Protein backbone atom coordinates (compact mmCIF):
# COMPACT_ATOMS: atom_id res chain seq x y z
CA MET A 1 -15.64 -12.12 27.81
CA PRO A 2 -11.88 -12.77 27.51
CA ALA A 3 -9.65 -9.71 27.73
CA GLY A 4 -6.45 -10.91 26.06
CA ARG A 5 -4.60 -11.63 29.28
CA GLY A 6 -4.09 -15.33 28.61
CA GLY A 7 -5.01 -18.36 30.60
CA ALA A 8 -5.52 -22.04 29.96
CA SER A 9 -6.27 -23.30 26.48
CA ILE A 10 -8.37 -26.29 25.47
CA TYR A 11 -5.12 -28.29 25.88
CA GLY A 12 -4.51 -27.15 29.47
CA LYS A 13 -2.25 -24.50 30.95
CA HIS A 14 0.58 -24.94 28.41
CA PHE A 15 1.11 -26.97 25.28
CA GLU A 16 4.11 -27.77 23.10
CA ASP A 17 5.29 -25.73 20.14
CA GLU A 18 4.40 -26.98 16.66
CA LEU A 19 7.20 -25.39 14.63
CA HIS A 20 7.58 -26.02 10.90
CA SER A 21 10.63 -24.61 9.10
CA GLU A 22 8.61 -23.87 5.95
CA LEU A 23 6.27 -21.51 7.85
CA LYS A 24 7.76 -18.01 8.16
CA PHE A 25 6.71 -14.57 9.37
CA THR A 26 6.84 -13.13 5.85
CA GLY A 27 4.38 -10.26 6.13
CA ALA A 28 1.23 -8.82 7.61
CA GLY A 29 -1.57 -11.16 8.62
CA ILE A 30 0.30 -14.16 10.05
CA LEU A 31 -1.50 -15.70 13.08
CA ALA A 32 0.71 -17.31 15.71
CA MET A 33 0.74 -18.36 19.35
CA ALA A 34 2.22 -15.97 21.90
CA ASN A 35 4.53 -17.65 24.39
CA ALA A 36 7.08 -17.04 27.15
CA GLY A 37 9.62 -19.49 25.71
CA PRO A 38 9.69 -23.00 24.29
CA ASP A 39 6.56 -25.10 24.87
CA THR A 40 4.70 -22.41 26.86
CA ASN A 41 1.77 -21.82 24.48
CA GLY A 42 -1.48 -21.02 26.26
CA SER A 43 -4.49 -19.18 24.89
CA GLN A 44 -2.93 -15.95 23.60
CA PHE A 45 -2.18 -15.36 19.95
CA PHE A 46 -1.00 -12.46 17.82
CA ILE A 47 -1.36 -11.25 14.24
CA THR A 48 1.62 -9.66 12.51
CA LEU A 49 1.37 -6.20 10.95
CA ALA A 50 4.58 -6.54 8.90
CA PRO A 51 7.35 -9.08 8.20
CA ALA A 52 8.89 -10.32 11.47
CA GLN A 53 11.58 -12.84 10.54
CA TRP A 54 13.16 -12.64 14.03
CA LEU A 55 10.12 -14.65 15.21
CA ASP A 56 10.76 -17.56 12.81
CA GLY A 57 11.22 -20.82 14.73
CA LYS A 58 10.06 -19.28 18.03
CA HIS A 59 6.27 -19.15 17.70
CA THR A 60 3.74 -21.67 16.36
CA ILE A 61 2.15 -20.28 13.19
CA PHE A 62 -1.40 -21.52 12.69
CA GLY A 63 -3.01 -19.29 10.08
CA ARG A 64 -3.14 -16.09 8.10
CA VAL A 65 -5.61 -13.34 7.35
CA CYS A 66 -7.29 -14.15 4.01
CA GLN A 67 -9.72 -11.23 3.82
CA GLY A 68 -9.92 -7.92 5.63
CA ILE A 69 -6.23 -7.05 5.70
CA GLY A 70 -7.33 -3.39 5.65
CA VAL A 71 -9.09 -3.93 8.97
CA LEU A 72 -5.84 -5.33 10.35
CA GLY A 73 -4.09 -2.12 9.29
CA ARG A 74 -6.65 -0.09 11.23
CA VAL A 75 -6.16 -2.30 14.31
CA GLY A 76 -2.44 -1.57 14.04
CA MET A 77 -3.16 2.16 14.37
CA VAL A 78 -5.04 1.82 17.68
CA GLU A 79 -3.50 3.96 20.42
CA THR A 80 -1.73 1.95 23.15
CA ASN A 81 -0.41 2.60 26.65
CA ALA A 82 3.17 2.22 27.93
CA GLN A 83 2.68 -1.56 28.21
CA ASP A 84 1.59 -1.69 24.53
CA ARG A 85 -2.03 -2.52 25.47
CA PRO A 86 -4.84 -0.81 23.50
CA LEU A 87 -6.50 2.12 25.26
CA ASP A 88 -9.83 0.99 23.75
CA ASP A 89 -11.04 -2.60 23.42
CA VAL A 90 -10.24 -4.36 20.15
CA LYS A 91 -12.41 -7.43 19.57
CA VAL A 92 -12.46 -10.14 16.92
CA LEU A 93 -16.18 -10.61 16.40
CA LYS A 94 -16.07 -13.20 13.66
CA ALA A 95 -13.52 -15.59 12.20
CA VAL A 96 -14.25 -18.12 9.49
CA PRO A 97 -12.15 -20.90 7.98
CA ALA A 98 -10.72 -20.17 4.54
CA GLY A 99 -11.84 -22.20 1.59
């Protein structure tokens, strides 16, 4: 099972950013691609726990949490090590399209 360390995506090792000026990191629950700079998207993503406007225009936003925002708050309280990695596994067991 994947462990959150990245790797190739269905598009290959890296794929281009898909930035849209109308999409902003306005609050908790925004899903976006993690990257190491422009056009370096792979398979890692993150979910915001609060507004993060300094990320606007730097990461491809592709969704938002529609239900279960309370669960996201609990994930945000998980104890982490010095590298900001969770001490215990955190797994997304189910995701469904909105609508």
